[in-house]
Protein backbone atom coordinates (compact mmCIF):
# COMPACT_ATOMS: atom_id res chain seq x y z
CA MET A 1 0.38 8.67 18.96
CA ALA A 2 2.54 8.23 15.97
CA TRP A 3 1.58 5.04 13.92
CA ARG A 4 3.84 3.90 11.12
CA VAL A 5 4.04 0.48 8.74
CA ARG A 6 6.26 -2.01 8.31
CA SER A 7 4.70 -4.94 6.93
CA ALA A 8 3.38 -8.99 7.20
CA ALA A 9 2.58 -10.05 10.75
CA TRP A 10 5.15 -7.88 12.92
CA LEU A 11 4.83 -4.27 11.50
CA VAL A 12 6.01 -0.51 12.43
CA LEU A 13 3.06 1.53 12.22
CA GLY A 14 3.77 5.07 11.03
CA PHE A 15 1.78 8.43 12.08
CA LEU A 16 -0.50 9.06 8.91
CA GLY A 17 -2.42 11.95 9.75
CA LEU A 18 -5.80 12.55 8.83
CA ALA A 19 -6.14 11.82 5.03
CA SER A 20 -9.34 13.85 3.87
CA GLY A 21 -9.26 11.32 0.74
CA VAL A 22 -9.68 8.10 3.58
CA LEU A 23 -11.34 9.71 6.52
CA ARG A 24 -15.28 8.85 5.85
CA ALA A 25 -18.47 8.22 8.01
CA GLN A 26 -18.23 4.96 8.91
CA ALA A 27 -21.52 2.74 7.33
CA LYS A 28 -23.45 1.21 10.53
CA PRO A 29 -27.07 -0.13 10.55
CA GLU A 30 -29.74 2.44 11.18
CA PRO A 31 -33.48 2.23 12.64
CA PRO A 32 -35.95 3.36 9.87
CA PRO A 33 -35.23 7.32 8.92
CA THR A 34 -37.32 10.43 10.88
CA VAL A 35 -39.09 11.90 8.22
CA GLN A 36 -39.48 15.11 7.69
CA THR A 37 -41.84 17.61 5.38
CA VAL A 38 -41.36 19.64 2.53
CA GLN A 39 -43.74 21.75 1.12
CA VAL A 40 -44.05 21.89 -2.97
CA ALA A 41 -46.25 23.57 -5.11
CA GLY A 42 -48.62 24.06 -1.81
CA GLU A 43 -48.61 20.55 -1.14
CA THR A 44 -47.04 18.83 2.10
CA THR A 45 -44.83 16.11 1.32
CA PRO A 46 -43.38 13.25 3.93
CA GLN A 47 -39.12 12.81 3.23
CA PRO A 48 -36.68 10.83 4.62
CA MET A 49 -34.52 12.60 6.72
CA HIS A 50 -30.93 10.78 6.94
CA THR A 51 -28.16 11.27 9.86
CA LEU A 52 -24.66 11.12 9.42
CA HIS A 53 -22.88 9.55 12.18
CA VAL A 54 -19.08 9.97 12.51
CA TYR A 55 -16.90 7.63 14.83
CA MET A 56 -14.10 8.91 16.90
CA ASP A 57 -10.55 7.44 17.24
CA LEU A 58 -10.85 4.38 14.69
CA ILE A 59 -7.97 2.69 13.08
CA GLN A 60 -7.94 1.69 9.60
CA VAL A 61 -5.64 -0.62 8.17
CA PRO A 62 -5.37 -2.17 4.55
CA VAL A 63 -4.05 -5.77 4.78
CA LEU A 64 -2.55 -7.96 1.62
CA VAL A 65 -3.14 -11.84 2.37
CA LEU A 66 -2.08 -13.83 -0.30
CA ASP A 67 -1.73 -17.91 0.17
CA SER A 68 1.87 -19.27 0.58
CA ASP A 69 2.69 -19.34 -3.51
CA LEU A 70 2.02 -15.88 -3.37
CA GLU A 71 -1.67 -16.35 -5.14
CA ARG A 72 -4.65 -14.81 -4.84
CA LEU A 73 -7.24 -16.26 -1.81
CA LYS A 74 -11.09 -16.69 -1.98
CA PRO A 75 -12.57 -13.92 0.55
CA LEU A 76 -11.53 -15.19 3.90
CA GLU A 77 -13.99 -14.71 7.33
CA PRO A 78 -13.50 -11.56 9.44
CA ALA A 79 -13.55 -13.69 12.46
CA LYS A 80 -10.26 -15.31 11.26
CA PHE A 81 -8.19 -11.93 11.49
CA LEU A 82 -6.08 -11.62 14.53
CA VAL A 83 -4.54 -8.19 15.72
CA SER A 84 -1.88 -7.82 18.62
CA LEU A 85 -0.29 -4.25 19.32
CA ASP A 86 3.61 -4.33 20.45
CA ALA A 87 2.97 -8.15 21.63
CA GLY A 88 0.09 -6.74 23.94
CA PRO A 89 -3.35 -9.13 24.15
CA LEU A 90 -4.59 -10.70 20.74
CA PHE A 91 -7.72 -8.83 19.74
CA HIS A 92 -10.23 -9.34 16.69
CA PRO A 93 -10.85 -6.18 15.05
CA ARG A 94 -13.97 -4.32 15.42
CA ASN A 95 -14.84 -4.25 11.18
CA VAL A 96 -13.17 -6.27 8.21
CA ARG A 97 -13.99 -6.30 4.56
CA GLN A 98 -12.34 -6.29 1.15
CA GLN A 99 -11.56 -2.96 -0.11
CA GLY A 100 -13.18 -3.29 -3.08
CA ASP A 101 -14.43 -0.39 -5.54
CA ASP A 102 -12.43 2.10 -2.66
CA PRO A 103 -11.01 4.65 -5.23
CA ILE A 104 -7.29 3.89 -5.48
CA THR A 105 -5.16 6.55 -5.56
CA LEU A 106 -2.21 5.33 -8.16
CA GLY A 107 1.34 6.25 -8.68
CA ILE A 108 3.34 4.43 -11.70
CA LEU A 109 6.93 5.28 -11.61
CA LEU A 110 8.80 3.92 -15.07
CA ASP A 111 12.79 3.46 -14.42
CA THR A 112 14.10 2.46 -17.39
CA ASP A 113 17.48 1.81 -16.28
CA GLY A 114 18.68 -1.49 -17.80
CA GLU A 115 17.90 -3.73 -20.26
CA GLN A 116 13.98 -4.29 -19.83
CA ASP A 117 12.25 -5.90 -22.73
CA PHE A 118 8.94 -5.61 -21.06
CA MET A 119 9.26 -1.95 -21.49
CA TRP A 120 8.17 -1.54 -24.71
CA GLN A 121 4.76 -2.96 -23.51
CA MET A 122 3.81 -0.87 -20.66
CA SER A 123 1.93 1.99 -22.45
CA SER A 124 -0.82 -0.53 -23.96
CA ALA A 125 -0.50 -2.69 -20.61
CA ILE A 126 -1.20 0.74 -18.51
CA ALA A 127 -3.92 1.89 -20.83
CA SER A 128 -5.99 -1.55 -20.84
CA LEU A 129 -6.07 -1.36 -17.10
CA ALA A 130 -9.01 1.41 -17.51
CA PRO A 131 -12.31 1.09 -17.38
CA GLY A 132 -12.03 -2.31 -16.00
CA SER A 133 -9.36 -2.87 -13.78
CA LEU A 134 -8.65 0.92 -12.79
CA HIS A 135 -12.10 2.62 -12.15
CA PRO A 136 -13.16 6.36 -13.26
CA SER A 137 -13.06 7.15 -9.46
CA ASP A 138 -9.18 5.99 -9.38
CA ARG A 139 -6.55 8.74 -9.33
CA VAL A 140 -3.65 8.35 -11.46
CA THR A 141 -0.05 10.37 -11.26
CA VAL A 142 2.44 8.65 -13.84
CA PHE A 143 6.22 9.12 -13.46
CA GLY A 144 9.03 8.83 -15.65
CA LEU A 145 12.99 7.99 -14.86
CA ASP A 146 15.43 7.88 -17.45
CA CYS A 147 18.02 10.47 -17.33
CA SER A 148 15.70 12.76 -15.24
CA LEU A 149 12.94 12.33 -13.46
CA ILE A 150 9.73 14.11 -15.35
CA ARG A 151 5.98 13.52 -13.95
CA THR A 152 3.48 13.45 -16.60
CA ILE A 153 0.11 12.48 -15.27
CA LYS A 154 -1.12 14.17 -11.75
CA ASP A 155 -3.48 13.03 -9.94
CA ALA A 156 -6.21 12.60 -13.26
CA PRO A 157 -8.94 10.18 -13.35
CA ALA A 158 -7.93 6.99 -15.02
CA ASP A 159 -8.90 7.27 -18.48
CA PRO A 160 -7.45 4.96 -21.16
CA ALA A 161 -6.33 7.69 -23.34
CA GLU A 162 -4.64 9.91 -21.13
CA LEU A 163 -3.23 6.95 -19.20
CA ARG A 164 -1.32 6.39 -22.79
CA ALA A 165 -0.43 9.56 -23.62
CA GLY A 166 1.17 10.15 -20.08
CA VAL A 167 2.81 6.93 -20.32
CA ASP A 168 4.53 7.49 -23.62
CA LEU A 169 5.79 10.93 -22.39
CA ALA A 170 7.45 9.46 -19.64
CA LEU A 171 9.17 6.88 -22.25
CA ASN A 172 9.98 9.24 -24.81
CA SER A 173 13.49 10.21 -23.45
CA TRP A 174 14.68 6.63 -22.91
CA LEU A 175 13.27 5.75 -26.24
CA ALA A 176 14.66 8.42 -28.69
CA ARG A 177 18.05 7.17 -27.32
CA ARG A 178 17.44 3.80 -27.87
CA LYS A 179 16.79 4.53 -31.51
CA ASN A 180 19.73 6.44 -31.58
CA LYS A 181 23.08 4.33 -31.75
CA HIS A 182 25.25 7.32 -31.40
CA ALA A 183 23.74 8.60 -27.88
CA SER A 184 25.51 9.31 -25.02
CA PRO A 185 24.95 7.73 -21.64
CA CYS A 186 23.16 9.85 -19.32
CA GLU A 187 24.80 12.51 -16.92
CA ASN A 188 24.37 12.92 -13.56
CA ARG A 189 21.32 10.32 -13.43
CA VAL A 190 18.78 10.67 -10.77
CA GLN A 191 19.22 7.42 -9.26
CA LEU A 192 16.11 5.21 -8.28
CA TRP A 193 15.98 6.01 -4.49
CA ASP A 194 16.10 9.74 -5.16
CA ALA A 195 13.42 9.20 -7.72
CA MET A 196 11.22 7.16 -5.46
CA ASN A 197 11.40 9.48 -2.25
CA LEU A 198 10.37 12.34 -5.04
CA ALA A 199 7.70 10.47 -5.96
CA LEU A 200 6.41 9.41 -2.79
CA THR A 201 6.59 13.38 -1.28
CA GLU A 202 4.12 13.86 -4.08
CA LEU A 203 1.92 11.12 -3.84
CA GLY A 204 1.91 10.87 -0.11
CA GLY A 205 0.35 14.71 -0.44
CA LEU A 206 -2.89 13.26 -1.97
CA PRO A 207 -6.24 11.79 -0.65
CA GLY A 208 -6.98 8.50 -1.09
CA ARG A 209 -5.50 4.90 -0.42
CA ARG A 210 -2.08 5.34 -2.11
CA VAL A 211 -0.51 2.69 -4.24
CA MET A 212 2.41 2.92 -6.04
CA LEU A 213 3.65 0.79 -8.87
CA VAL A 214 7.70 0.65 -9.48
CA VAL A 215 8.62 -0.76 -12.56
CA THR A 216 12.39 -1.06 -12.41
CA ASN A 217 15.23 -3.95 -12.27
CA GLY A 218 15.55 -2.68 -8.57
CA PHE A 219 19.17 -1.28 -8.20
CA ASP A 220 20.39 1.89 -7.25
CA HIS A 221 23.77 3.50 -8.24
CA GLY A 222 24.50 5.91 -5.94
CA SER A 223 21.75 7.95 -4.79
CA ARG A 224 21.83 10.89 -2.10
CA THR A 225 18.93 9.08 -0.47
CA GLN A 226 19.64 5.81 1.30
CA TRP A 227 16.95 3.30 1.03
CA LEU A 228 15.80 3.06 4.92
CA ASP A 229 14.75 6.51 4.06
CA VAL A 230 12.85 5.25 1.49
CA MET A 231 11.24 2.78 3.57
CA ASP A 232 10.54 5.54 6.52
CA LEU A 233 8.96 7.77 3.61
CA ALA A 234 6.47 5.15 2.33
CA GLN A 235 5.29 4.09 5.97
CA THR A 236 4.84 7.55 7.23
CA LYS A 237 2.94 8.53 4.05
CA GLY A 238 1.02 5.34 4.22
CA VAL A 239 2.07 4.36 0.37
CA ALA A 240 1.97 0.76 -0.54
CA ILE A 241 4.92 -0.20 -2.91
CA PHE A 242 4.49 -3.11 -5.60
CA GLY A 243 7.56 -3.76 -7.46
CA TYR A 244 7.64 -4.94 -10.90
CA LYS A 245 11.20 -6.40 -12.00
CA PRO A 246 12.61 -8.56 -14.46
CA LYS A 247 13.45 -12.39 -13.18
CA LEU A 248 17.34 -11.62 -13.60
CA ALA A 249 16.97 -8.60 -10.98
CA ASN A 250 15.30 -10.89 -8.55
CA LEU A 251 18.55 -12.99 -8.27
CA THR A 252 19.16 -10.99 -4.66
CA ASP A 253 15.43 -12.05 -3.81
CA ASN A 254 16.46 -15.62 -3.99
CA MET A 255 19.59 -14.93 -1.04
CA SER A 256 16.87 -13.06 1.33
CA GLY A 257 13.56 -14.46 0.57
CA LEU A 258 10.27 -12.85 0.18
CA ALA A 259 10.73 -11.37 4.37
CA GLY A 260 9.00 -14.45 6.43
CA THR A 261 5.11 -14.55 6.90
CA THR A 262 5.80 -13.87 10.43
CA GLY A 263 7.04 -10.53 9.17
CA SER A 264 9.83 -10.32 11.69
CA THR A 265 12.74 -7.59 11.61
CA THR A 266 15.50 -10.54 12.69
CA THR A 267 17.42 -12.75 10.19
CA ASN A 268 17.00 -16.71 9.51
CA GLY A 269 18.24 -18.47 6.53
CA LYS A 270 16.43 -21.83 7.70
CA GLY A 271 13.25 -23.26 6.26
CA LEU A 272 13.61 -21.98 2.69
CA ARG A 273 11.11 -24.48 0.36
CA ALA A 274 10.36 -23.96 -3.85
CA SER A 275 7.17 -21.60 -4.59
CA ARG A 276 5.99 -20.31 -8.32
CA GLY A 277 6.65 -17.14 -6.70
CA ALA A 278 9.96 -16.99 -5.06
CA PRO A 279 11.50 -18.87 -2.25
CA ILE A 280 9.44 -18.18 1.05
CA PRO A 281 10.89 -18.94 4.73
CA THR A 282 8.46 -21.15 6.43
CA GLY A 283 10.02 -20.04 9.52
CA VAL A 284 11.47 -15.87 10.88
CA GLY A 285 12.76 -14.73 7.16
CA ALA A 286 14.60 -10.82 6.58
CA MET A 287 11.74 -8.26 6.81
CA ILE A 288 14.37 -5.87 6.60
CA SER A 289 17.46 -7.23 4.64
CA SER A 290 20.42 -4.96 3.11
CA MET A 291 20.73 -7.95 0.54
CA ASP A 292 17.43 -6.58 -0.75
CA PRO A 293 16.60 -3.26 -0.09
CA PHE A 294 14.09 -3.02 -2.97
CA GLY A 295 12.15 -6.09 -1.98
CA SER A 296 12.43 -4.59 1.65
CA ILE A 297 11.03 -1.48 0.68
CA CYS A 298 7.76 -2.85 -1.19
CA GLN A 299 7.10 -5.32 1.59
CA SER A 300 7.32 -3.31 4.54
CA SER A 301 5.26 -0.63 2.90
CA GLY A 302 2.70 -3.40 2.33
CA GLY A 303 3.06 -4.22 -0.79
CA MET A 304 5.59 -7.36 -2.66
CA VAL A 305 7.70 -7.57 -5.79
CA MET A 306 6.06 -9.13 -8.80
CA GLU A 307 8.18 -11.34 -11.10
CA ALA A 308 7.82 -9.29 -15.13
CA ASN A 309 7.47 -11.52 -17.94
CA SER A 310 7.37 -9.73 -21.05
CA SER A 311 4.62 -12.38 -22.68
CA PHE A 312 1.97 -10.99 -20.01
CA VAL A 313 2.59 -7.82 -19.23
CA ALA A 314 -1.16 -6.81 -19.37
CA LYS A 315 -2.33 -9.51 -17.59
CA GLN A 316 0.05 -9.11 -14.58
CA LEU A 317 -0.70 -5.51 -14.14
CA ALA A 318 -4.53 -6.91 -14.13
CA ARG A 319 -3.24 -9.22 -11.18
CA PHE A 320 -1.62 -6.23 -9.55
CA THR A 321 -4.78 -4.27 -9.28
CA ALA A 322 -6.72 -7.36 -8.28
CA MET A 323 -4.79 -7.81 -5.59
CA VAL A 324 -5.01 -3.83 -4.44
CA ARG A 325 -8.92 -4.34 -4.71
CA GLU A 326 -8.85 -7.90 -2.80
CA ARG A 327 -6.97 -6.19 0.13
CA TYR A 328 -8.49 -6.24 3.56
CA ILE A 329 -9.65 -3.08 5.63
CA ILE A 330 -9.18 -3.95 9.05
CA GLU A 331 -10.50 -1.20 11.72
CA PHE A 332 -10.17 -1.31 15.69
CA SER A 333 -10.44 1.28 17.90
CA ARG A 334 -7.43 3.28 19.20
CA PRO A 335 -5.80 1.97 21.94
CA ARG A 336 -6.85 2.51 25.98
CA ASN A 337 -2.92 3.16 26.61
CA ASP A 338 -1.97 4.59 23.84
CA ALA A 339 1.43 6.69 23.93
CA PRO A 340 3.74 8.82 21.73
CA GLY A 341 6.08 7.15 19.16
CA GLN A 342 6.45 4.15 17.17
CA HIS A 343 4.43 0.83 17.74
CA ASN A 344 4.38 -2.80 16.25
CA ILE A 345 1.23 -4.12 14.89
CA GLU A 346 0.32 -7.92 14.16
CA VAL A 347 -1.89 -8.91 11.56
CA THR A 348 -2.17 -13.01 11.71
CA VAL A 349 -4.90 -15.39 10.18
CA ALA A 350 -5.83 -17.83 12.39
CA LYS A 351 -5.12 -21.31 11.66
CA ASN A 352 -2.92 -20.12 8.36
CA PRO A 353 0.95 -19.35 9.61
CA LEU A 354 1.50 -19.49 6.12
CA TYR A 355 0.11 -17.02 4.01
CA TYR A 356 1.46 -14.11 2.50
CA ILE A 357 0.53 -11.07 4.95
CA ARG A 358 1.32 -7.19 4.53
CA SER A 359 -0.22 -4.41 6.14
CA ALA A 360 0.22 -0.81 4.46
CA GLY A 361 -0.68 2.92 6.02
CA VAL A 362 -2.65 3.44 8.80
CA THR A 363 -5.75 5.79 9.12
CA VAL A 364 -6.34 7.46 12.41
CA MET A 365 -9.79 8.45 12.05
CA PRO A 366 -11.08 11.88 13.25
CA SER A 367 -11.06 12.30 16.88
CA ALA A 368 -13.31 15.06 18.15
CA GLU A 369 -11.79 16.18 21.10
CA ASN A 370 -13.74 19.81 21.59
CA GLN A 371 -17.00 18.47 19.87
CA SER A 372 -18.26 15.81 22.66
CA ASN A 373 -21.53 18.05 22.48
CA ASP A 374 -21.93 17.78 18.59
CA PRO A 375 -25.27 15.03 18.35
CA THR A 376 -23.46 13.41 14.64
CA ILE A 377 -20.01 12.43 16.94
CA ILE A 378 -20.78 9.26 18.54
CA PRO A 379 -17.97 9.43 21.17
CA ARG A 380 -15.47 6.76 21.26
CA ASN A 381 -16.17 3.42 23.28
CA ALA A 382 -12.96 1.89 24.99
CA SER A 383 -14.86 -1.16 25.88
CA ASP A 384 -13.07 -2.92 22.86
CA ALA A 385 -10.11 -0.49 22.89
CA PRO A 386 -6.98 -2.83 22.21
CA LEU A 387 -3.94 -3.01 24.91
CA LEU A 388 -0.62 -1.85 23.33
CA GLY A 389 2.20 -4.62 25.04
CA ASN A 390 5.68 -3.54 25.61
CA ARG A 391 8.04 -4.51 22.09
CA LYS A 392 9.77 -1.87 20.86
CA ALA A 393 9.91 -0.46 17.30
CA SER A 394 12.66 -1.21 15.16
CA ASN A 395 13.29 0.00 11.71
CA LYS A 396 17.16 -1.07 11.62
CA PRO A 397 18.27 -3.59 9.35
CA PRO A 398 19.63 -7.13 10.29
CA PRO A 399 23.40 -7.55 11.02
CA PRO A 400 24.83 -8.89 7.63
């Protein structure tokens, strides 16, 4: 079965494969451990014997949940989460927890196109994320996009000095051209969609919960890659994209909105209201819209677009990492009537229809077709397996 993520309530979930960094044994209450004896210096000493249990055919989905003003929430009760697959029956996930200290695999793409005053602060702001917001167990990859796309850090621990050096190197070309008043413009500049496509391809090959921060004005000027292909790749690779761009570039957001909280793929311009972040349709919104392709890419991958403020760059990036760690990891069994192809998933929070809900990459826990006799494998229990509905997945933008 192929799973592919779109975002919010209705998502198209894509096949993520078995990402080694995310596959792990599920912690379950265990009876007191059995005892084995160990002989030390001629004496026999009892030692506890621990058993690792691996659970089959479980699906995990990280879910970003914010309030209607795009602000962080107090922890939600697991029982409030409801899931539906392809418009099938609603069910409660088997397990819900916040991501917390799970290691993050973070990609940072710095796009220097346009006048972005906050770009000068990126070096110190990103370095300040470690070791507080980013932990030593987190891994970081940094890309710089000026005339060309370069990678300055690859899957390195989140160390302040290394982050600062990597960001400085990523911005060197841009800084040099800014200081040279007679510098000629870039020839054959790598464009945003092409750069994101390359960064996603590399980041998607790394283990862990993948997130990409794209610092950009959000505009593409003629990539060979189509924005829908970037959206498709982010979903397939399980990379949640968070955009960080100036207010001026958010003008298109005001036309299309930040995708309705229902996450539908249809368009409805009614019901817009003001909020501190950006307009959010109170009804059905434009989940995939050619009016705001960058915003659509971010939301459909399980992220969002954040408005840059040059006075609060470090605080805003710290808020971004806090939102990532406060995502909910929902877990449920593989559907009993699963089938190959793309499927929708609807994630809702009971009694809170206006919450901003976006889901990221799906992880299918390892199947054990040939391991039925392995005592460490707990077989699939179909009693709580959900049912697929009959709604077909769609990955096309609505008509203009």
